Amino acid sequence: MIKLGAHMKISKGFKKVPEDTVNIGGNTFQIFTHSPRTWNMKQPSEREVDEFKLNMNKFNIDFEDVLVHSSYLINLASPKDDIWEKSINTMVEEIKATDKLGIFYYNFHPGSHLGMGEEFGIEKIIEALDIIFKELVHTKVTVLLENVAKKGGNIGYSMEQLGAIINASEFKNRLGITFDTCHGFDSNYDIRNKEGVLKLFDDIEKNVGLEKLKMIHLNDSKYDLGAGKDRHEFIGKGYIGTKGFANFLSFDEVCKLPLLLETPGDDEEHAEDIKVVKEILKNIGKL
């Protein structure tokens, strides 16, 4: 069964997310655990957790198909000690909340070195992750590093960089990756043709291991290949296009994973994008 959904609001409470997901035609989703633009968060109450889990079961959504995304402020590569420490502390709390909700996967952008260089940034990320995992000894949550657009001081735009972080961690077995199609396209991973997808898989296998690819962020791109802009577009309306996604989704390695939209707009727009993706899947015999 294809697992397809979108990033969903939690403004009406965690309990509403499963129902809202089904209403837009999805069977999985991504959420934040709190406002992504603030450091502070409170843990979900027992009642919130119970209601959420009840509705997950009621609407037949598998906890292992769902993803929590980190807040936007987190930067484990930061050379600023206060930001680095806040990032660690906030990430610990977000992973605790993920665990309480019964969700198995937590996703974050590795960070930006802010001019200090990639080697510096990678070392800071590795150090931070090891601190986080030592704090969260008993969590069942797997932490996924998301590939990012190649711009500024961003770390994680190549599988080589993601592999350097994962393979150097003391907790390699608790780490995996999410592949974002827009960010990958920004960084010259051209998924519009078979050769490009095979190159991507080879890169993942060589540096990380394909078994560590757990989630797909399905986003079109407002800009052409290698632009490094990080501007998501509606599925089929950008430079990847319907033909590009038809190629990408034709691979079993992709279709077996949860496909999560982070395209512009809200539930109404996500419902339209889900229809577009389902139409593509039907046309290639995957649905």
C-alpha atoms as a PDB file:
ATOM      1  CA  MET A   1       0.000   0.000   0.000  1.00  0.00           C
ATOM      2  CA  ILE A   2       1.255   3.467  -0.923  1.00  0.00           C
ATOM      3  CA  LYS A   3       1.787   5.694   2.123  1.00  0.00           C
ATOM      4  CA  LEU A   4       1.040   9.299   1.196  1.00  0.00           C
ATOM      5  CA  GLY A   5       0.324  12.429   3.212  1.00  0.00           C
ATOM      6  CA  ALA A   6       1.385  15.979   4.014  1.00  0.00           C
ATOM      7  CA  HIS A   7       2.677  18.244   6.746  1.00  0.00           C
ATOM      8  CA  MET A   8      -0.332  18.923   8.995  1.00  0.00           C
ATOM      9  CA  LYS A   9      -1.201  21.679  11.484  1.00  0.00           C
ATOM     10  CA  ILE A  10      -1.384  20.896  15.216  1.00  0.00           C
ATOM     11  CA  SER A  11      -3.230  24.140  16.054  1.00  0.00           C
ATOM     12  CA  LYS A  12      -6.431  22.176  16.728  1.00  0.00           C
ATOM     13  CA  GLY A  13      -4.573  19.654  18.861  1.00  0.00           C
ATOM     14  CA  PHE A  14      -2.693  16.452  18.089  1.00  0.00           C
ATOM     15  CA  LYS A  15      -5.932  14.475  18.248  1.00  0.00           C
ATOM     16  CA  LYS A  16      -7.327  16.174  15.121  1.00  0.00           C
ATOM     17  CA  VAL A  17      -4.382  15.350  12.882  1.00  0.00           C
ATOM     18  CA  PRO A  18      -5.339  11.745  11.944  1.00  0.00           C
ATOM     19  CA  GLU A  19      -8.884  12.772  10.963  1.00  0.00           C
ATOM     20  CA  ASP A  20      -7.672  15.836   9.042  1.00  0.00           C
ATOM     21  CA  THR A  21      -5.178  13.618   7.227  1.00  0.00           C
ATOM     22  CA  VAL A  22      -7.855  11.195   6.061  1.00  0.00           C
ATOM     23  CA  ASN A  23     -10.063  14.124   5.010  1.00  0.00           C
ATOM     24  CA  ILE A  24      -7.424  15.343   2.533  1.00  0.00           C
ATOM     25  CA  GLY A  25      -6.934  11.855   1.100  1.00  0.00           C
ATOM     26  CA  GLY A  26      -3.827  10.900   3.068  1.00  0.00           C
ATOM     27  CA  ASN A  27      -2.904   7.916   5.211  1.00  0.00           C
ATOM     28  CA  THR A  28       0.194   9.344   6.875  1.00  0.00           C
ATOM     29  CA  PHE A  29       1.486  12.783   7.898  1.00  0.00           C
ATOM     30  CA  GLN A  30       4.225  14.975   9.294  1.00  0.00           C
ATOM     31  CA  ILE A  31       3.838  17.370  12.246  1.00  0.00           C
ATOM     32  CA  PHE A  32       5.767  19.687  14.534  1.00  0.00           C
ATOM     33  CA  THR A  33       5.530  19.055  18.284  1.00  0.00           C
ATOM     34  CA  HIS A  34       5.170  22.810  18.979  1.00  0.00           C
ATOM     35  CA  SER A  35       5.604  26.139  17.194  1.00  0.00           C
ATOM     36  CA  PRO A  36       8.701  25.703  15.001  1.00  0.00           C
ATOM     37  CA  ARG A  37       9.786  29.302  15.570  1.00  0.00           C
ATOM     38  CA  THR A  38      10.142  29.160  19.368  1.00  0.00           C
ATOM     39  CA  TRP A  39      12.656  27.454  21.627  1.00  0.00           C
ATOM     40  CA  ASN A  40      10.272  26.682  24.452  1.00  0.00           C
ATOM     41  CA  MET A  41       7.795  23.839  24.356  1.00  0.00           C
ATOM     42  CA  LYS A  42       5.657  21.917  26.788  1.00  0.00           C
ATOM     43  CA  GLN A  43       5.312  18.176  26.651  1.00  0.00           C
ATOM     44  CA  PRO A  44       1.943  16.801  25.499  1.00  0.00           C
ATOM     45  CA  SER A  45      -0.312  15.862  28.407  1.00  0.00           C
ATOM     46  CA  GLU A  46      -1.385  12.284  29.076  1.00  0.00           C
ATOM     47  CA  ARG A  47      -4.853  13.185  27.840  1.00  0.00           C
ATOM     48  CA  GLU A  48      -3.471  14.645  24.593  1.00  0.00           C
ATOM     49  CA  VAL A  49      -1.364  11.537  24.055  1.00  0.00           C
ATOM     50  CA  ASP A  50      -4.255   9.161  24.758  1.00  0.00           C
ATOM     51  CA  GLU A  51      -6.621  11.038  22.418  1.00  0.00           C
ATOM     52  CA  PHE A  52      -4.007  11.141  19.674  1.00  0.00           C
ATOM     53  CA  LYS A  53      -3.266   7.423  19.915  1.00  0.00           C
ATOM     54  CA  LEU A  54      -6.989   6.613  19.972  1.00  0.00           C
ATOM     55  CA  ASN A  55      -7.525   8.544  16.735  1.00  0.00           C
ATOM     56  CA  MET A  56      -4.431   7.076  15.095  1.00  0.00           C
ATOM     57  CA  ASN A  57      -6.018   3.670  15.555  1.00  0.00           C
ATOM     58  CA  LYS A  58      -9.528   4.901  14.686  1.00  0.00           C
ATOM     59  CA  PHE A  59      -8.369   6.312  11.347  1.00  0.00           C
ATOM     60  CA  ASN A  60      -6.017   3.391  10.692  1.00  0.00           C
ATOM     61  CA  ILE A  61      -2.752   5.330  10.468  1.00  0.00           C
ATOM     62  CA  ASP A  62       0.429   3.429  11.281  1.00  0.00           C
ATOM     63  CA  PHE A  63       2.689   5.084  13.863  1.00  0.00           C
ATOM     64  CA  GLU A  64       5.753   3.881  11.932  1.00  0.00           C
ATOM     65  CA  ASP A  65       4.678   5.823   8.816  1.00  0.00           C
ATOM     66  CA  VAL A  66       4.458   9.183  10.609  1.00  0.00           C
ATOM     67  CA  LEU A  67       7.202  11.790  10.959  1.00  0.00           C
ATOM     68  CA  VAL A  68       7.885  14.599  13.420  1.00  0.00           C
ATOM     69  CA  HIS A  69       9.860  17.531  12.014  1.00  0.00           C
ATOM     70  CA  SER A  70      12.177  19.549  14.251  1.00  0.00           C
ATOM     71  CA  SER A  71      11.701  23.253  14.869  1.00  0.00           C
ATOM     72  CA  TYR A  72      13.343  25.710  12.476  1.00  0.00           C
ATOM     73  CA  LEU A  73      15.588  27.248  15.138  1.00  0.00           C
ATOM     74  CA  ILE A  74      17.667  24.144  15.782  1.00  0.00           C
ATOM     75  CA  ASN A  75      21.242  24.356  14.474  1.00  0.00           C
ATOM     76  CA  LEU A  76      23.540  21.620  15.753  1.00  0.00           C
ATOM     77  CA  ALA A  77      26.403  23.047  13.627  1.00  0.00           C
ATOM     78  CA  SER A  78      26.251  26.522  15.166  1.00  0.00           C
ATOM     79  CA  PRO A  79      29.541  28.095  16.315  1.00  0.00           C
ATOM     80  CA  LYS A  80      27.513  30.154  18.840  1.00  0.00           C
ATOM     81  CA  ASP A  81      27.595  28.268  22.132  1.00  0.00           C
ATOM     82  CA  ASP A  82      24.200  29.517  23.343  1.00  0.00           C
ATOM     83  CA  ILE A  83      22.433  28.540  20.108  1.00  0.00           C
ATOM     84  CA  TRP A  84      24.209  25.165  20.021  1.00  0.00           C
ATOM     85  CA  GLU A  85      23.159  24.383  23.613  1.00  0.00           C
ATOM     86  CA  LYS A  86      19.578  25.577  23.046  1.00  0.00           C
ATOM     87  CA  SER A  87      19.444  23.419  19.927  1.00  0.00           C
ATOM     88  CA  ILE A  88      20.509  20.340  21.867  1.00  0.00           C
ATOM     89  CA  ASN A  89      18.044  20.996  24.698  1.00  0.00           C
ATOM     90  CA  THR A  90      15.115  21.701  22.371  1.00  0.00           C
ATOM     91  CA  MET A  91      15.876  18.643  20.261  1.00  0.00           C
ATOM     92  CA  VAL A  92      15.910  16.459  23.388  1.00  0.00           C
ATOM     93  CA  GLU A  93      12.473  17.775  24.379  1.00  0.00           C
ATOM     94  CA  GLU A  94      11.069  17.327  20.855  1.00  0.00           C
ATOM     95  CA  ILE A  95      12.302  13.734  20.693  1.00  0.00           C
ATOM     96  CA  LYS A  96      10.774  13.058  24.123  1.00  0.00           C
ATOM     97  CA  ALA A  97       7.439  14.387  22.804  1.00  0.00           C
ATOM     98  CA  THR A  98       7.800  12.248  19.661  1.00  0.00           C
ATOM     99  CA  ASP A  99       8.321   9.206  21.861  1.00  0.00           C
ATOM    100  CA  LYS A 100       5.329  10.029  24.076  1.00  0.00           C
ATOM    101  CA  LEU A 101       3.071  10.313  21.025  1.00  0.00           C
ATOM    102  CA  GLY A 102       4.186   6.848  19.939  1.00  0.00           C
ATOM    103  CA  ILE A 103       5.830   8.124  16.736  1.00  0.00           C
ATOM    104  CA  PHE A 104       8.975   6.322  15.625  1.00  0.00           C
ATOM    105  CA  TYR A 105      10.744   8.920  13.443  1.00  0.00           C
ATOM    106  CA  TYR A 106      12.045  12.442  14.044  1.00  0.00           C
ATOM    107  CA  ASN A 107      13.533  14.562  11.246  1.00  0.00           C
ATOM    108  CA  PHE A 108      15.931  17.525  11.378  1.00  0.00           C
ATOM    109  CA  HIS A 109      18.123  19.647   9.101  1.00  0.00           C
ATOM    110  CA  PRO A 110      21.769  19.037  10.091  1.00  0.00           C
ATOM    111  CA  GLY A 111      22.549  22.754  10.386  1.00  0.00           C
ATOM    112  CA  SER A 112      24.697  25.606   9.106  1.00  0.00           C
ATOM    113  CA  HIS A 113      28.319  26.268  10.029  1.00  0.00           C
ATOM    114  CA  LEU A 114      27.790  30.059   9.572  1.00  0.00           C
ATOM    115  CA  GLY A 115      31.128  30.563   7.864  1.00  0.00           C
ATOM    116  CA  MET A 116      33.240  28.323  10.096  1.00  0.00           C
ATOM    117  CA  GLY A 117      33.640  25.634   7.452  1.00  0.00           C
ATOM    118  CA  GLU A 118      32.081  22.253   6.750  1.00  0.00           C
ATOM    119  CA  GLU A 119      34.581  20.236   8.809  1.00  0.00           C
ATOM    120  CA  PHE A 120      33.838  22.386  11.868  1.00  0.00           C
ATOM    121  CA  GLY A 121      30.090  22.067  11.339  1.00  0.00           C
ATOM    122  CA  ILE A 122      30.147  18.303  10.861  1.00  0.00           C
ATOM    123  CA  GLU A 123      32.166  17.833  14.058  1.00  0.00           C
ATOM    124  CA  LYS A 124      29.714  20.009  16.021  1.00  0.00           C
ATOM    125  CA  ILE A 125      26.741  17.997  14.707  1.00  0.00           C
ATOM    126  CA  ILE A 126      28.370  14.674  15.630  1.00  0.00           C
ATOM    127  CA  GLU A 127      29.199  15.949  19.125  1.00  0.00           C
ATOM    128  CA  ALA A 128      25.663  17.269  19.626  1.00  0.00           C
ATOM    129  CA  LEU A 129      23.984  14.051  18.455  1.00  0.00           C
ATOM    130  CA  ASP A 130      26.087  11.978  20.834  1.00  0.00           C
ATOM    131  CA  ILE A 131      25.077  14.264  23.735  1.00  0.00           C
ATOM    132  CA  ILE A 132      21.411  13.958  22.727  1.00  0.00           C
ATOM    133  CA  PHE A 133      21.455  10.161  22.509  1.00  0.00           C
ATOM    134  CA  LYS A 134      23.267   9.814  25.841  1.00  0.00           C
ATOM    135  CA  GLU A 135      20.436  11.893  27.343  1.00  0.00           C
ATOM    136  CA  LEU A 136      17.780   9.727  25.644  1.00  0.00           C
ATOM    137  CA  VAL A 137      19.061   6.246  26.347  1.00  0.00           C
ATOM    138  CA  HIS A 138      15.691   4.500  26.285  1.00  0.00           C
ATOM    139  CA  THR A 139      13.940   6.241  23.401  1.00  0.00           C
ATOM    140  CA  LYS A 140      12.693   4.111  20.508  1.00  0.00           C
ATOM    141  CA  VAL A 141      12.791   7.110  18.158  1.00  0.00           C
ATOM    142  CA  THR A 142      15.073   6.997  15.129  1.00  0.00           C
ATOM    143  CA  VAL A 143      16.531  10.404  14.239  1.00  0.00           C
ATOM    144  CA  LEU A 144      16.620  11.200  10.529  1.00  0.00           C
ATOM    145  CA  LEU A 145      18.980  13.691   8.935  1.00  0.00           C
ATOM    146  CA  GLU A 146      17.350  15.465   6.006  1.00  0.00           C
ATOM    147  CA  ASN A 147      19.357  16.403   2.926  1.00  0.00           C
ATOM    148  CA  VAL A 148      19.306  20.166   2.422  1.00  0.00           C
ATOM    149  CA  ALA A 149      19.737  22.643  -0.426  1.00  0.00           C
ATOM    150  CA  LYS A 150      23.311  23.524  -1.317  1.00  0.00           C
ATOM    151  CA  LYS A 151      23.425  27.147  -0.227  1.00  0.00           C
ATOM    152  CA  GLY A 152      25.191  29.285   2.337  1.00  0.00           C
ATOM    153  CA  GLY A 153      26.783  27.314   5.147  1.00  0.00           C
ATOM    154  CA  ASN A 154      24.290  24.442   4.934  1.00  0.00           C
ATOM    155  CA  ILE A 155      25.593  21.004   5.849  1.00  0.00           C
ATOM    156  CA  GLY A 156      23.936  17.891   4.480  1.00  0.00           C
ATOM    157  CA  TYR A 157      23.516  18.762   0.796  1.00  0.00           C
ATOM    158  CA  SER A 158      25.346  15.594  -0.239  1.00  0.00           C
ATOM    159  CA  MET A 159      25.104  11.973   0.842  1.00  0.00           C
ATOM    160  CA  GLU A 160      28.832  12.120   1.540  1.00  0.00           C
ATOM    161  CA  GLN A 161      28.208  14.760   4.215  1.00  0.00           C
ATOM    162  CA  LEU A 162      25.263  12.882   5.736  1.00  0.00           C
ATOM    163  CA  GLY A 163      27.365   9.724   5.767  1.00  0.00           C
ATOM    164  CA  ALA A 164      30.269  11.522   7.456  1.00  0.00           C
ATOM    165  CA  ILE A 165      27.942  12.475  10.320  1.00  0.00           C
ATOM    166  CA  ILE A 166      26.138   9.143  10.675  1.00  0.00           C
ATOM    167  CA  ASN A 167      29.199   6.918  10.384  1.00  0.00           C
ATOM    168  CA  ALA A 168      31.187   8.928  12.957  1.00  0.00           C
ATOM    169  CA  SER A 169      28.436   8.872  15.570  1.00  0.00           C
ATOM    170  CA  GLU A 170      28.596   6.574  18.568  1.00  0.00           C
ATOM    171  CA  PHE A 171      24.894   5.945  17.915  1.00  0.00           C
ATOM    172  CA  LYS A 172      24.926   5.131  14.209  1.00  0.00           C
ATOM    173  CA  ASN A 173      22.213   2.492  14.667  1.00  0.00           C
ATOM    174  CA  ARG A 174      19.780   5.186  15.873  1.00  0.00           C
ATOM    175  CA  LEU A 175      20.256   7.434  12.840  1.00  0.00           C
ATOM    176  CA  GLY A 176      18.807   7.425   9.325  1.00  0.00           C
ATOM    177  CA  ILE A 177      17.945   9.846   6.533  1.00  0.00           C
ATOM    178  CA  THR A 178      15.019  11.571   4.841  1.00  0.00           C
ATOM    179  CA  PHE A 179      15.392  12.447   1.153  1.00  0.00           C
ATOM    180  CA  ASP A 180      13.787  15.727   0.120  1.00  0.00           C
ATOM    181  CA  THR A 181      13.221  15.865  -3.654  1.00  0.00           C
ATOM    182  CA  CYS A 182      13.366  19.681  -3.882  1.00  0.00           C
ATOM    183  CA  HIS A 183      16.528  19.937  -1.780  1.00  0.00           C
ATOM    184  CA  GLY A 184      18.093  17.093  -3.729  1.00  0.00           C
ATOM    185  CA  PHE A 185      17.208  18.772  -7.033  1.00  0.00           C
ATOM    186  CA  ASP A 186      18.751  21.975  -5.654  1.00  0.00           C
ATOM    187  CA  SER A 187      21.949  20.009  -5.050  1.00  0.00           C
ATOM    188  CA  ASN A 188      22.144  18.400  -8.518  1.00  0.00           C
ATOM    189  CA  TYR A 189      20.369  15.119  -7.763  1.00  0.00           C
ATOM    190  CA  ASP A 190      18.317  14.939 -10.963  1.00  0.00           C
ATOM    191  CA  ILE A 191      15.437  12.537 -10.304  1.00  0.00           C
ATOM    192  CA  ARG A 192      13.755  13.279 -13.659  1.00  0.00           C
ATOM    193  CA  ASN A 193      15.544  10.399 -15.389  1.00  0.00           C
ATOM    194  CA  LYS A 194      16.388   6.805 -14.524  1.00  0.00           C
ATOM    195  CA  GLU A 195      20.133   7.418 -14.508  1.00  0.00           C
ATOM    196  CA  GLY A 196      19.759  10.264 -12.007  1.00  0.00           C
ATOM    197  CA  VAL A 197      17.743   8.167  -9.576  1.00  0.00           C
ATOM    198  CA  LEU A 198      20.197   5.270  -9.856  1.00  0.00           C
ATOM    199  CA  LYS A 199      23.054   7.707  -9.156  1.00  0.00           C
ATOM    200  CA  LEU A 200      21.162   8.922  -6.080  1.00  0.00           C
ATOM    201  CA  PHE A 201      20.675   5.352  -4.839  1.00  0.00           C
ATOM    202  CA  ASP A 202      24.343   4.552  -5.476  1.00  0.00           C
ATOM    203  CA  ASP A 203      25.347   7.665  -3.529  1.00  0.00           C
ATOM    204  CA  ILE A 204      23.092   6.727  -0.614  1.00  0.00           C
ATOM    205  CA  GLU A 205      24.296   3.115  -0.585  1.00  0.00           C
ATOM    206  CA  LYS A 206      27.963   4.106  -0.753  1.00  0.00           C
ATOM    207  CA  ASN A 207      27.853   6.743   1.976  1.00  0.00           C
ATOM    208  CA  VAL A 208      24.947   5.844   4.260  1.00  0.00           C
ATOM    209  CA  GLY A 209      23.349   2.536   3.247  1.00  0.00           C
ATOM    210  CA  LEU A 210      19.985   2.330   1.464  1.00  0.00           C
ATOM    211  CA  GLU A 211      18.469   0.621   4.501  1.00  0.00           C
ATOM    212  CA  LYS A 212      18.833   3.950   6.356  1.00  0.00           C
ATOM    213  CA  LEU A 213      16.570   5.789   3.884  1.00  0.00           C
ATOM    214  CA  LYS A 214      13.291   5.914   5.858  1.00  0.00           C
ATOM    215  CA  MET A 215      11.196   8.841   4.546  1.00  0.00           C
ATOM    216  CA  ILE A 216      10.644  10.905   1.391  1.00  0.00           C
ATOM    217  CA  HIS A 217       9.752  14.598   1.377  1.00  0.00           C
ATOM    218  CA  LEU A 218       7.893  14.925  -1.920  1.00  0.00           C
ATOM    219  CA  ASN A 219       8.287  18.489  -3.159  1.00  0.00           C
ATOM    220  CA  ASP A 220       8.541  20.053  -6.601  1.00  0.00           C
ATOM    221  CA  SER A 221      11.039  22.904  -7.136  1.00  0.00           C
ATOM    222  CA  LYS A 222      10.379  26.506  -8.174  1.00  0.00           C
ATOM    223  CA  TYR A 223      13.908  26.644  -9.598  1.00  0.00           C
ATOM    224  CA  ASP A 224      15.895  24.541 -12.042  1.00  0.00           C
ATOM    225  CA  LEU A 225      18.467  21.839 -11.287  1.00  0.00           C
ATOM    226  CA  GLY A 226      21.342  22.920  -9.032  1.00  0.00           C
ATOM    227  CA  ALA A 227      19.854  26.326  -8.191  1.00  0.00           C
ATOM    228  CA  GLY A 228      20.343  25.959  -4.426  1.00  0.00           C
ATOM    229  CA  LYS A 229      17.288  28.088  -3.608  1.00  0.00           C
ATOM    230  CA  ASP A 230      15.134  25.765  -1.427  1.00  0.00           C
ATOM    231  CA  ARG A 231      11.786  26.929  -2.815  1.00  0.00           C
ATOM    232  CA  HIS A 232       9.121  24.225  -2.804  1.00  0.00           C
ATOM    233  CA  GLU A 233       6.458  24.115  -5.510  1.00  0.00           C
ATOM    234  CA  PHE A 234       3.175  22.232  -6.023  1.00  0.00           C
ATOM    235  CA  ILE A 235       3.665  18.745  -7.464  1.00  0.00           C
ATOM    236  CA  GLY A 236       3.876  18.983 -11.254  1.00  0.00           C
ATOM    237  CA  LYS A 237       4.058  22.789 -11.289  1.00  0.00           C
ATOM    238  CA  GLY A 238       7.826  23.069 -10.892  1.00  0.00           C
ATOM    239  CA  TYR A 239      11.001  22.037 -12.666  1.00  0.00           C
ATOM    240  CA  ILE A 240      10.803  18.387 -11.585  1.00  0.00           C
ATOM    241  CA  GLY A 241       7.310  18.165 -13.077  1.00  0.00           C
ATOM    242  CA  THR A 242       4.843  15.304 -13.454  1.00  0.00           C
ATOM    243  CA  LYS A 243       7.160  13.373 -15.780  1.00  0.00           C
ATOM    244  CA  GLY A 244      10.006  13.724 -13.308  1.00  0.00           C
ATOM    245  CA  PHE A 245       7.895  12.451 -10.433  1.00  0.00           C
ATOM    246  CA  ALA A 246       6.539   9.628 -12.600  1.00  0.00           C
ATOM    247  CA  ASN A 247      10.137   8.525 -13.106  1.00  0.00           C
ATOM    248  CA  PHE A 248      11.066   8.897  -9.429  1.00  0.00           C
ATOM    249  CA  LEU A 249       7.951   7.125  -8.145  1.00  0.00           C
ATOM    250  CA  SER A 250       8.419   4.237 -10.572  1.00  0.00           C
ATOM    251  CA  PHE A 251      11.187   2.876  -8.327  1.00  0.00           C
ATOM    252  CA  ASP A 252      10.098   0.387  -5.658  1.00  0.00           C
ATOM    253  CA  GLU A 253      12.782   1.747  -3.323  1.00  0.00           C
ATOM    254  CA  VAL A 254      10.838   5.035  -3.289  1.00  0.00           C
ATOM    255  CA  CYS A 255       7.243   3.775  -3.267  1.00  0.00           C
ATOM    256  CA  LYS A 256       7.748   1.498  -0.274  1.00  0.00           C
ATOM    257  CA  LEU A 257       8.511   4.561   1.895  1.00  0.00           C
ATOM    258  CA  PRO A 258       6.140   7.186   3.344  1.00  0.00           C
ATOM    259  CA  LEU A 259       5.760  10.067   0.861  1.00  0.00           C
ATOM    260  CA  LEU A 260       5.238  13.362   2.692  1.00  0.00           C
ATOM    261  CA  LEU A 261       4.294  16.615   0.973  1.00  0.00           C
ATOM    262  CA  GLU A 262       5.718  19.928   2.174  1.00  0.00           C
ATOM    263  CA  THR A 263       4.333  21.885  -0.764  1.00  0.00           C
ATOM    264  CA  PRO A 264       2.874  25.425  -0.402  1.00  0.00           C
ATOM    265  CA  GLY A 265      -0.549  26.080   1.086  1.00  0.00           C
ATOM    266  CA  ASP A 266      -2.741  24.366   3.637  1.00  0.00           C
ATOM    267  CA  ASP A 267      -5.082  21.362   3.775  1.00  0.00           C
ATOM    268  CA  GLU A 268      -7.005  22.368   0.648  1.00  0.00           C
ATOM    269  CA  GLU A 269      -3.861  22.706  -1.440  1.00  0.00           C
ATOM    270  CA  HIS A 270      -2.378  19.519   0.021  1.00  0.00           C
ATOM    271  CA  ALA A 271      -5.549  17.634  -0.930  1.00  0.00           C
ATOM    272  CA  GLU A 272      -5.046  18.774  -4.528  1.00  0.00           C
ATOM    273  CA  ASP A 273      -1.386  17.740  -4.478  1.00  0.00           C
ATOM    274  CA  ILE A 274      -2.341  14.328  -3.086  1.00  0.00           C
ATOM    275  CA  LYS A 275      -4.771  13.908  -6.003  1.00  0.00           C
ATOM    276  CA  VAL A 276      -1.977  14.796  -8.438  1.00  0.00           C
ATOM    277  CA  VAL A 277       0.414  12.280  -6.869  1.00  0.00           C
ATOM    278  CA  LYS A 278      -2.263   9.563  -6.894  1.00  0.00           C
ATOM    279  CA  GLU A 279      -2.924  10.267 -10.574  1.00  0.00           C
ATOM    280  CA  ILE A 280       0.798   9.928 -11.322  1.00  0.00           C
ATOM    281  CA  LEU A 281       0.895   6.661  -9.365  1.00  0.00           C
ATOM    282  CA  LYS A 282      -2.121   5.320 -11.271  1.00  0.00           C
ATOM    283  CA  ASN A 283      -0.552   6.214 -14.604  1.00  0.00           C
ATOM    284  CA  ILE A 284       2.626   4.271 -13.781  1.00  0.00           C
ATOM    285  CA  GLY A 285       0.729   1.283 -12.364  1.00  0.00           C
ATOM    286  CA  LYS A 286       1.661   1.832  -8.721  1.00  0.00           C
ATOM    287  CA  LEU A 287      -1.855   2.479  -7.451  1.00  0.00           C
END
